[in-house]
C-alpha cells in the first residue's frame, strides 16, 4: 500500500487533518504505538509509518482477554500497510487486582500494560509511546485514561480533536483494511464488576461471540452473569436472534451456561457501566 499516493486523493479537509497527524509524529521524531488492531490505533500506525518510517514501531499485546480476531486484524493491517509490528505476550490474569474485576479494572490493566510499553519504548529509544483514545472517549466512563496520564503516554487523536466518525472516514479514504472494524473492547468487559474473571469464563464468552458472528450477527456482546449468558445484538436483529432460540440455547448450554437471555434493549456501549 502506497500511502503517499493515497493521500493525494483526500479531500482538502481530510488532507488538512491527515497532515496535522503527520506533523504531530514528525515533531516527535520517533514513536512506539500501542496497536490494538482497531481503527483508532490503526490510523495512528499508518500516520506514524508515513511520517517516521523505520523510526516507528507498532506493538500488539497478546493476552487471554483479547480476542483472536483483534490480533489477526493487527497482523493483517501491518502486512497491508507495511509497518513494523511486534507481538508481545502479556497475561493480564496474573494481576490479582485485575481478575478481582473492580470498577477501575481498565485502569489496573492499562497501567500495567502502559508501564511495560513505556519501558520498552525507553529501552528502544523511542521518543514517545502513543495510544488511540479519541475525542469521543472523553464522554464515556474511561478509568483507563488515568493510566495514560500517569505513564506519560500520548493520545494524538484526542489531542488533535479527532472524533470516531472522522477517524473512520479518513481510514476509509486511505483504504486502511480495518476502517469499518467494529469497536471490540477486551473480553473482560463482558463481566459485571465484582465477578471474578477466569480463563474458563473468557473462553465461554469468546466462543459464544464467535458462534453468533458465524450466524451472521455483526455487533455482538455476550455478557457473563455466572450461569446466565445475556446476549446483546443490534435492536433490529433481536427478532432474528429469538427466532434462532433453540440452536442458540443449545450451543450456550454446551459452553456451560445454564440459561441464555436476550437483552431486549439491544447492544449499547458499556452496558455494564449502567449500574455505576
Protein backbone atom coordinates (compact mmCIF):
# COMPACT_ATOMS: atom_id res chain seq x y z
CA UNK A 1 0.00 0.00 0.00
CA UNK A 2 1.40 3.37 -1.03
CA UNK A 3 0.13 5.96 1.46
CA UNK A 4 1.94 8.69 -0.46
CA UNK A 5 -0.30 8.13 -3.47
CA UNK A 6 -3.47 7.56 -1.49
CA UNK A 7 -3.14 10.80 0.44
CA UNK A 8 -3.22 12.69 -2.86
CA UNK A 9 -6.85 11.59 -3.29
CA UNK A 10 -8.03 13.03 0.03
CA UNK A 11 -10.44 15.96 0.10
CA UNK A 12 -8.89 19.27 1.19
CA UNK A 13 -10.49 18.95 4.62
CA UNK A 14 -9.28 15.39 5.12
CA UNK A 15 -5.83 16.22 3.80
CA UNK A 16 -5.52 19.05 6.32
CA UNK A 17 -6.42 16.70 9.20
CA UNK A 18 -4.10 13.97 7.90
CA UNK A 19 -1.24 16.47 7.65
CA UNK A 20 -1.86 17.52 11.27
CA UNK A 21 -1.41 13.92 12.33
CA UNK A 22 1.73 13.52 10.24
CA UNK A 23 3.20 16.72 11.67
CA UNK A 24 2.45 15.51 15.19
CA UNK A 25 4.71 12.50 14.70
CA UNK A 26 7.35 14.34 12.68
CA UNK A 27 7.77 16.79 15.56
CA UNK A 28 8.47 13.91 17.96
CA UNK A 29 10.99 12.13 15.76
CA UNK A 30 10.15 8.55 16.73
CA UNK A 31 7.24 6.68 18.29
CA UNK A 32 6.08 3.35 19.66
CA UNK A 33 2.36 2.78 19.02
CA UNK A 34 0.14 0.60 21.22
CA UNK A 35 -1.82 -1.10 18.41
CA UNK A 36 -4.98 -2.96 19.43
CA UNK A 37 -5.96 -3.91 15.89
CA UNK A 38 -8.78 -1.35 15.88
CA UNK A 39 -9.34 1.60 13.59
CA UNK A 40 -8.19 4.30 16.04
CA UNK A 41 -4.73 2.95 16.79
CA UNK A 42 -4.60 1.65 13.21
CA UNK A 43 -4.83 5.19 11.87
CA UNK A 44 -2.08 6.18 14.30
CA UNK A 45 0.13 3.40 12.97
CA UNK A 46 -0.46 4.45 9.36
CA UNK A 47 0.32 8.09 10.15
CA UNK A 48 3.41 7.27 12.20
CA UNK A 49 4.67 4.95 9.46
CA UNK A 50 4.10 7.62 6.79
CA UNK A 51 5.78 10.31 8.91
CA UNK A 52 8.61 8.34 10.52
CA UNK A 53 9.27 5.18 8.53
CA UNK A 54 11.62 2.91 10.44
CA UNK A 55 11.53 5.25 13.42
CA UNK A 56 8.14 3.86 14.42
CA UNK A 57 7.19 0.52 15.93
CA UNK A 58 3.70 -0.86 16.46
CA UNK A 59 3.25 -3.22 19.40
CA UNK A 60 0.25 -5.53 19.79
CA UNK A 61 -0.34 -7.34 23.06
CA UNK A 62 -1.49 -10.97 23.03
CA UNK A 63 -3.44 -11.74 26.20
CA UNK A 64 -6.16 -14.17 27.27
CA UNK A 65 -8.54 -11.20 27.44
CA UNK A 66 -8.01 -10.24 23.80
CA UNK A 67 -9.93 -11.96 21.01
CA UNK A 68 -8.09 -13.84 18.28
CA UNK A 69 -9.73 -11.56 15.75
CA UNK A 70 -8.03 -8.46 17.15
CA UNK A 71 -4.56 -9.96 16.83
CA UNK A 72 -5.36 -11.21 13.33
CA UNK A 73 -6.60 -7.74 12.34
CA UNK A 74 -3.40 -6.15 13.62
CA UNK A 75 -1.23 -8.59 11.69
CA UNK A 76 -3.27 -8.11 8.52
CA UNK A 77 -3.07 -4.33 8.65
CA UNK A 78 0.67 -4.30 9.37
CA UNK A 79 1.25 -6.54 6.36
CA UNK A 80 -1.03 -4.46 4.11
CA UNK A 81 0.36 -1.05 5.06
CA UNK A 82 3.94 -2.24 5.54
CA UNK A 83 4.82 -1.03 9.02
CA UNK A 84 6.73 -2.98 11.65
CA UNK A 85 4.65 -4.92 14.20
CA UNK A 86 5.91 -6.57 17.35
CA UNK A 87 3.66 -9.10 19.12
CA UNK A 88 4.11 -9.33 22.89
CA UNK A 89 2.65 -11.93 25.24
CA UNK A 90 1.20 -10.26 28.33
CA UNK A 91 -1.04 -12.18 30.73
CA UNK A 92 -3.37 -9.75 32.48
CA UNK A 93 -4.76 -12.62 34.56
CA UNK A 94 -1.52 -12.76 36.54
CA UNK A 95 -2.54 -9.48 38.21
CA UNK A 96 -4.92 -10.21 41.14
CA UNK A 97 -6.24 -6.64 41.12
CA UNK A 98 -7.34 -7.22 37.53
CA UNK A 99 -9.06 -10.59 37.97
CA UNK A 100 -10.96 -9.22 41.01
CA UNK A 101 -12.71 -7.01 38.43
CA UNK A 102 -13.19 -3.72 40.32
CA UNK A 103 -14.93 -0.76 38.62
CA UNK A 104 -11.50 0.66 37.77
CA UNK A 105 -10.34 -2.62 36.18
CA UNK A 106 -9.42 -0.80 32.95
CA UNK A 107 -7.12 1.47 34.92
CA UNK A 108 -5.39 -1.52 36.55
CA UNK A 109 -4.98 -3.16 33.14
CA UNK A 110 -3.75 -0.12 31.23
CA UNK A 111 -1.40 0.97 33.98
CA UNK A 112 0.38 -2.40 33.88
CA UNK A 113 0.42 -2.52 30.08
CA UNK A 114 1.47 1.09 29.55
CA UNK A 115 4.25 0.79 32.10
CA UNK A 116 5.51 -2.22 30.17
CA UNK A 117 5.26 -0.43 26.82
CA UNK A 118 6.81 2.74 28.24
CA UNK A 119 9.80 0.72 29.45
CA UNK A 120 10.05 -0.90 26.02
CA UNK A 121 9.91 2.49 24.30
CA UNK A 122 12.63 3.80 26.59
CA UNK A 123 14.84 0.75 26.04
CA UNK A 124 14.49 1.05 22.26
CA UNK A 125 15.00 4.84 22.31
CA UNK A 126 11.56 5.84 21.03
CA UNK A 127 10.67 9.41 21.94
CA UNK A 128 7.01 8.72 22.81
CA UNK A 129 4.58 5.89 23.42
CA UNK A 130 1.25 6.66 21.75
CA UNK A 131 -2.22 5.16 22.23
CA UNK A 132 -5.51 5.51 20.36
CA UNK A 133 -8.01 7.37 22.57
CA UNK A 134 -10.12 9.81 20.55
CA UNK A 135 -12.22 12.89 21.26
CA UNK A 136 -15.45 10.92 21.75
CA UNK A 137 -13.86 8.91 24.57
CA UNK A 138 -13.99 11.95 26.83
CA UNK A 139 -17.73 11.47 27.27
CA UNK A 140 -17.65 7.84 28.44
CA UNK A 141 -16.61 6.18 31.70
CA UNK A 142 -12.91 5.62 30.97
CA UNK A 143 -10.88 4.82 34.09
CA UNK A 144 -8.03 3.76 31.81
CA UNK A 145 -7.45 7.42 30.91
CA UNK A 146 -5.77 7.84 34.31
CA UNK A 147 -3.13 5.35 33.23
CA UNK A 148 -2.39 7.41 30.13
CA UNK A 149 -1.63 10.46 32.27
CA UNK A 150 0.31 8.57 34.94
CA UNK A 151 2.62 6.82 32.47
CA UNK A 152 3.18 9.83 30.24
CA UNK A 153 1.70 8.14 27.17
CA UNK A 154 0.38 10.45 24.45
CA UNK A 155 -3.03 10.37 22.75
CA UNK A 156 -2.58 12.17 19.40
CA UNK A 157 -6.13 11.64 18.15
CA UNK A 158 -7.60 13.09 21.32
CA UNK A 159 -5.11 15.94 21.48
CA UNK A 160 -5.96 16.90 17.89
CA UNK A 161 -9.71 16.52 18.43
CA UNK A 162 -10.36 13.57 16.10
CA UNK A 163 -13.86 12.09 16.51
CA UNK A 164 -14.70 8.45 15.76
CA UNK A 165 -16.62 9.35 12.62
CA UNK A 166 -13.73 11.45 11.38
CA UNK A 167 -11.27 8.64 12.07
CA UNK A 168 -13.37 6.09 10.18
CA UNK A 169 -13.86 8.44 7.23
CA UNK A 170 -10.13 9.16 6.97
CA UNK A 171 -9.20 5.49 7.38
CA UNK A 172 -11.69 4.56 4.62
CA UNK A 173 -10.33 7.24 2.29
CA UNK A 174 -6.82 5.86 2.85
CA UNK A 175 -8.07 2.29 2.16
CA UNK A 176 -6.95 1.04 5.55
CA UNK A 177 -8.28 -2.54 5.84
CA UNK A 178 -9.75 -2.06 9.32
CA UNK A 179 -11.63 1.20 8.63
CA UNK A 180 -15.02 -0.41 9.36
CA UNK A 181 -13.91 -2.76 12.14
CA UNK A 182 -16.40 -2.69 14.98
CA UNK A 183 -15.21 -1.45 18.36
CA UNK A 184 -14.15 -4.51 20.34
CA UNK A 185 -13.04 -3.81 23.91
CA UNK A 186 -11.32 -6.70 25.65
CA UNK A 187 -13.30 -9.73 26.77
CA UNK A 188 -13.01 -8.71 30.43
CA UNK A 189 -15.63 -6.02 29.73
CA UNK A 190 -18.24 -8.79 29.44
CA UNK A 191 -18.13 -9.50 33.20
CA UNK A 192 -20.11 -7.43 35.76
CA UNK A 193 -17.86 -5.57 38.19
CA UNK A 194 -17.01 -7.70 41.19
CA UNK A 195 -17.37 -11.01 39.32
CA UNK A 196 -14.00 -12.76 39.12
CA UNK A 197 -12.53 -13.01 35.64
CA UNK A 198 -11.34 -16.54 34.89
CA UNK A 199 -9.76 -18.27 31.87
CA UNK A 200 -12.81 -20.55 31.65
CA UNK A 201 -15.24 -17.62 31.63
CA UNK A 202 -13.21 -15.83 28.98
CA UNK A 203 -13.32 -18.91 26.74
CA UNK A 204 -17.10 -19.13 27.21
CA UNK A 205 -17.52 -15.51 26.12
CA UNK A 206 -15.09 -15.78 23.20
CA UNK A 207 -16.68 -18.96 21.86
CA UNK A 208 -20.21 -17.61 22.32
CA UNK A 209 -19.46 -14.41 20.41
CA UNK A 210 -17.63 -16.31 17.68
CA UNK A 211 -20.66 -18.58 17.23
CA UNK A 212 -23.05 -15.62 16.97
CA UNK A 213 -20.78 -13.91 14.45
CA UNK A 214 -20.84 -17.08 12.37
CA UNK A 215 -24.65 -16.94 12.44
CA UNK A 216 -24.42 -13.51 10.79
CA UNK A 217 -24.71 -11.13 13.75
CA UNK A 218 -22.16 -8.37 13.22
CA UNK A 219 -22.34 -6.49 16.53
CA UNK A 220 -22.48 -8.89 19.48
CA UNK A 221 -21.78 -8.91 23.20
CA UNK A 222 -22.11 -11.96 25.43
CA UNK A 223 -22.37 -10.61 28.98
CA UNK A 224 -21.29 -13.22 31.52
CA UNK A 225 -23.56 -13.37 34.59
CA UNK A 226 -22.33 -16.61 36.14
CA UNK A 227 -24.71 -19.33 34.96
CA UNK A 228 -26.54 -16.84 32.73
CA UNK A 229 -25.38 -15.54 29.34
CA UNK A 230 -27.04 -12.23 28.46
CA UNK A 231 -26.78 -11.60 24.73
CA UNK A 232 -26.80 -8.14 23.20
CA UNK A 233 -27.24 -7.65 19.46
CA UNK A 234 -28.37 -4.65 17.43
CA UNK A 235 -32.04 -3.86 18.23
CA UNK A 236 -33.21 -4.63 14.69
CA UNK A 237 -31.56 -8.08 14.95
CA UNK A 238 -33.27 -9.14 18.19
CA UNK A 239 -36.24 -10.83 16.48
CA UNK A 240 -33.89 -12.87 14.29
CA UNK A 241 -31.95 -13.97 17.36
CA UNK A 242 -35.18 -15.02 19.10
CA UNK A 243 -36.16 -17.00 16.01
CA UNK A 244 -32.91 -18.95 16.47
CA UNK A 245 -33.58 -19.54 20.17
CA UNK A 246 -33.33 -23.34 20.04
CA UNK A 247 -29.89 -23.76 18.40
CA UNK A 248 -28.51 -20.74 20.26
CA UNK A 249 -29.75 -22.04 23.62
CA UNK A 250 -28.34 -25.50 22.93
CA UNK A 251 -24.96 -24.12 21.94
CA UNK A 252 -24.68 -21.89 25.01
CA UNK A 253 -25.58 -24.85 27.22
CA UNK A 254 -22.70 -26.73 25.62
CA UNK A 255 -20.45 -23.85 26.73
CA UNK A 256 -21.52 -24.33 30.35
CA UNK A 257 -24.25 -21.71 30.68
CA UNK A 258 -27.46 -22.94 32.31
CA UNK A 259 -29.58 -20.09 30.98
CA UNK A 260 -29.42 -17.87 27.88
CA UNK A 261 -31.16 -14.48 27.88
CA UNK A 262 -31.67 -11.93 25.11
CA UNK A 263 -31.33 -8.30 26.21
CA UNK A 264 -34.43 -6.61 24.76
CA UNK A 265 -32.77 -3.19 24.86
CA UNK A 266 -30.17 -4.42 22.40
CA UNK A 267 -26.48 -3.65 22.15
CA UNK A 268 -25.19 -0.43 23.65
CA UNK A 269 -21.65 0.51 24.51
CA UNK A 270 -20.66 -0.05 28.13
CA UNK A 271 -23.98 -1.54 29.28
CA UNK A 272 -22.30 -2.93 32.40
CA UNK A 273 -21.43 0.63 33.43
CA UNK A 274 -25.14 1.37 33.85
CA UNK A 275 -25.01 0.11 37.42
CA UNK A 276 -22.31 2.60 38.43
